[in-house]
C-alpha atoms as a PDB file:
ATOM      1  CA  MET A   1      25.294   1.468 -12.011  1.00  0.00           C
ATOM      2  CA  ALA A   2      24.148   2.380 -14.992  1.00  0.00           C
ATOM      3  CA  GLU A   3      21.667   4.880 -14.891  1.00  0.00           C
ATOM      4  CA  LYS A   4      18.008   4.230 -16.587  1.00  0.00           C
ATOM      5  CA  ALA A   5      17.321   5.560 -20.120  1.00  0.00           C
ATOM      6  CA  LYS A   6      14.006   7.933 -19.631  1.00  0.00           C
ATOM      7  CA  GLN A   7      11.228   6.130 -20.764  1.00  0.00           C
ATOM      8  CA  SER A   8       9.604   7.283 -23.599  1.00  0.00           C
ATOM      9  CA  GLU A   9       5.958   9.372 -23.376  1.00  0.00           C
ATOM     10  CA  ALA A  10       4.452   8.219 -26.933  1.00  0.00           C
ATOM     11  CA  LEU A  11       5.637   4.334 -26.154  1.00  0.00           C
ATOM     12  CA  THR A  12       3.653   4.438 -22.950  1.00  0.00           C
ATOM     13  CA  ALA A  13       0.843   6.164 -24.773  1.00  0.00           C
ATOM     14  CA  ILE A  14       0.751   3.884 -27.136  1.00  0.00           C
ATOM     15  CA  GLY A  15       0.748   1.098 -24.323  1.00  0.00           C
ATOM     16  CA  LYS A  16      -2.366   2.998 -22.777  1.00  0.00           C
ATOM     17  CA  LEU A  17      -4.281   2.535 -25.829  1.00  0.00           C
ATOM     18  CA  PHE A  18      -3.091  -1.592 -26.278  1.00  0.00           C
ATOM     19  CA  GLU A  19      -4.425  -1.783 -22.767  1.00  0.00           C
ATOM     20  CA  GLN A  20      -7.749   0.534 -22.496  1.00  0.00           C
ATOM     21  CA  LYS A  21      -8.831  -1.522 -25.630  1.00  0.00           C
ATOM     22  CA  ARG A  22      -7.966  -5.075 -24.731  1.00  0.00           C
ATOM     23  CA  LYS A  23     -10.007  -4.451 -21.682  1.00  0.00           C
ATOM     24  CA  ALA A  24     -12.870  -2.711 -23.754  1.00  0.00           C
ATOM     25  CA  LEU A  25     -13.491  -6.249 -25.144  1.00  0.00           C
ATOM     26  CA  GLY A  26     -14.969  -7.655 -21.770  1.00  0.00           C
ATOM     27  CA  LYS A  27     -14.227  -8.737 -18.467  1.00  0.00           C
ATOM     28  CA  GLN A  28     -12.973 -12.107 -20.059  1.00  0.00           C
ATOM     29  CA  TYR A  29     -10.054 -10.175 -21.332  1.00  0.00           C
ATOM     30  CA  LYS A  30      -9.057  -8.174 -18.153  1.00  0.00           C
ATOM     31  CA  SER A  31      -6.397  -9.933 -17.461  1.00  0.00           C
ATOM     32  CA  ARG A  32      -3.292 -10.140 -19.874  1.00  0.00           C
ATOM     33  CA  GLU A  33      -3.453 -14.283 -19.184  1.00  0.00           C
ATOM     34  CA  GLN A  34      -7.134 -14.593 -20.025  1.00  0.00           C
ATOM     35  CA  PHE A  35      -6.518 -11.963 -22.928  1.00  0.00           C
ATOM     36  CA  ILE A  36      -3.674 -14.196 -24.518  1.00  0.00           C
ATOM     37  CA  TYR A  37      -5.259 -17.550 -23.501  1.00  0.00           C
ATOM     38  CA  ASN A  38      -8.670 -16.824 -24.746  1.00  0.00           C
ATOM     39  CA  ARG A  39      -7.786 -15.238 -28.011  1.00  0.00           C
ATOM     40  CA  SER A  40      -5.010 -18.175 -28.748  1.00  0.00           C
ATOM     41  CA  ASP A  41      -7.843 -20.375 -29.030  1.00  0.00           C
ATOM     42  CA  GLU A  42     -10.425 -18.338 -30.256  1.00  0.00           C
ATOM     43  CA  LEU A  43      -8.501 -16.759 -33.115  1.00  0.00           C
ATOM     44  CA  PHE A  44      -4.617 -18.293 -33.686  1.00  0.00           C
ATOM     45  CA  GLY A  45      -5.638 -22.028 -33.611  1.00  0.00           C
ATOM     46  CA  SER A  46      -4.643 -22.572 -30.014  1.00  0.00           C
ATOM     47  CA  GLU A  47      -0.891 -21.367 -31.220  1.00  0.00           C
ATOM     48  CA  ASP A  48       1.369 -18.982 -28.993  1.00  0.00           C
ATOM     49  CA  TRP A  49       0.805 -15.700 -30.534  1.00  0.00           C
ATOM     50  CA  ILE A  50       2.501 -13.424 -27.786  1.00  0.00           C
ATOM     51  CA  SER A  51       3.771 -14.142 -24.270  1.00  0.00           C
ATOM     52  CA  LEU A  52       3.038 -12.615 -21.755  1.00  0.00           C
ATOM     53  CA  ARG A  53       5.894 -10.343 -21.216  1.00  0.00           C
ATOM     54  CA  HIS A  54       5.854  -9.322 -24.525  1.00  0.00           C
ATOM     55  CA  LEU A  55       2.612  -8.073 -23.569  1.00  0.00           C
ATOM     56  CA  TYR A  56       3.375  -6.487 -20.704  1.00  0.00           C
ATOM     57  CA  ASN A  57       6.079  -4.519 -21.835  1.00  0.00           C
ATOM     58  CA  ILE A  58       4.409  -3.308 -24.772  1.00  0.00           C
ATOM     59  CA  GLU A  59       1.246  -1.984 -22.633  1.00  0.00           C
ATOM     60  CA  HIS A  60       3.809  -0.037 -20.619  1.00  0.00           C
ATOM     61  CA  GLY A  61       5.338   1.259 -23.044  1.00  0.00           C
ATOM     62  CA  LYS A  62       8.887  -0.612 -22.353  1.00  0.00           C
ATOM     63  CA  ASN A  63       9.174  -1.937 -25.879  1.00  0.00           C
ATOM     64  CA  TRP A  64       7.953  -1.120 -29.701  1.00  0.00           C
ATOM     65  CA  ILE A  65       5.550  -3.784 -31.351  1.00  0.00           C
ATOM     66  CA  SER A  66       6.995  -5.366 -34.604  1.00  0.00           C
ATOM     67  CA  ILE A  67       4.044  -5.093 -37.589  1.00  0.00           C
ATOM     68  CA  GLU A  68       3.704  -8.921 -37.532  1.00  0.00           C
ATOM     69  CA  LYS A  69       2.545  -8.885 -33.518  1.00  0.00           C
ATOM     70  CA  LEU A  70       1.056  -5.173 -34.380  1.00  0.00           C
ATOM     71  CA  ILE A  71      -1.361  -7.380 -36.664  1.00  0.00           C
ATOM     72  CA  MET A  72      -1.886 -10.107 -34.797  1.00  0.00           C
ATOM     73  CA  LEU A  73      -2.795  -7.547 -31.797  1.00  0.00           C
ATOM     74  CA  ALA A  74      -4.847  -5.672 -33.720  1.00  0.00           C
ATOM     75  CA  ASP A  75      -7.047  -8.822 -34.956  1.00  0.00           C
ATOM     76  CA  ALA A  76      -7.164  -9.854 -31.058  1.00  0.00           C
ATOM     77  CA  LEU A  77      -8.070  -6.162 -30.050  1.00  0.00           C
ATOM     78  CA  GLU A  78     -10.621  -7.041 -33.276  1.00  0.00           C
ATOM     79  CA  GLU A  79      -9.111  -3.620 -34.852  1.00  0.00           C
ATOM     80  CA  ASP A  80      -8.506  -2.539 -38.269  1.00  0.00           C
ATOM     81  CA  PRO A  81      -4.947  -2.696 -38.259  1.00  0.00           C
ATOM     82  CA  VAL A  82      -4.454  -0.010 -40.538  1.00  0.00           C
ATOM     83  CA  ASP A  83      -7.017   1.744 -38.104  1.00  0.00           C
ATOM     84  CA  LEU A  84      -4.712   0.907 -35.231  1.00  0.00           C
ATOM     85  CA  PHE A  85      -1.558   2.120 -36.779  1.00  0.00           C
ATOM     86  CA  ASN A  86      -2.837   5.393 -37.985  1.00  0.00           C
ATOM     87  CA  LYS A  87      -3.735   6.093 -33.710  1.00  0.00           C
ATOM     88  CA  ILE A  88      -0.451   4.606 -32.648  1.00  0.00           C
ATOM     89  CA  VAL A  89       1.322   7.306 -35.702  1.00  0.00           C
ATOM     90  CA  THR A  90      -0.752   9.965 -33.943  1.00  0.00           C
ATOM     91  CA  ILE A  91       0.116   9.363 -30.486  1.00  0.00           C
ATOM     92  CA  TYR A  92       3.874   9.378 -31.595  1.00  0.00           C
ATOM     93  CA  ARG A  93       3.808  12.284 -33.723  1.00  0.00           C
ATOM     94  CA  SER A  94       1.761  14.396 -31.141  1.00  0.00           C
ATOM     95  CA  SER A  95       4.472  13.462 -28.060  1.00  0.00           C
ATOM     96  CA  LYS A  96       7.081  15.147 -30.668  1.00  0.00           C
ATOM     97  CA  SER A  97       5.355  17.983 -30.793  1.00  0.00           C
END
């Protein structure tokens, strides 16, 4: 059986940032399912904008996020995408020091 690759500390910290910001929006956004569903209705015209699995993987540091999804997630988190990206860069760089 193949050995599992070590998970990136930076990705884990970035995922925790996203999760904290989601939960800080209020109890109606505590679960990923409700967050995705509510934000779909509120911001994205009831269109699918992110899958539950993808958000889970991002929040658990298993996946990088694309620029497109970062912008959409920033909107859903009520964050400026540039400010959010700067926080991501800071976390990433601090994990490499």
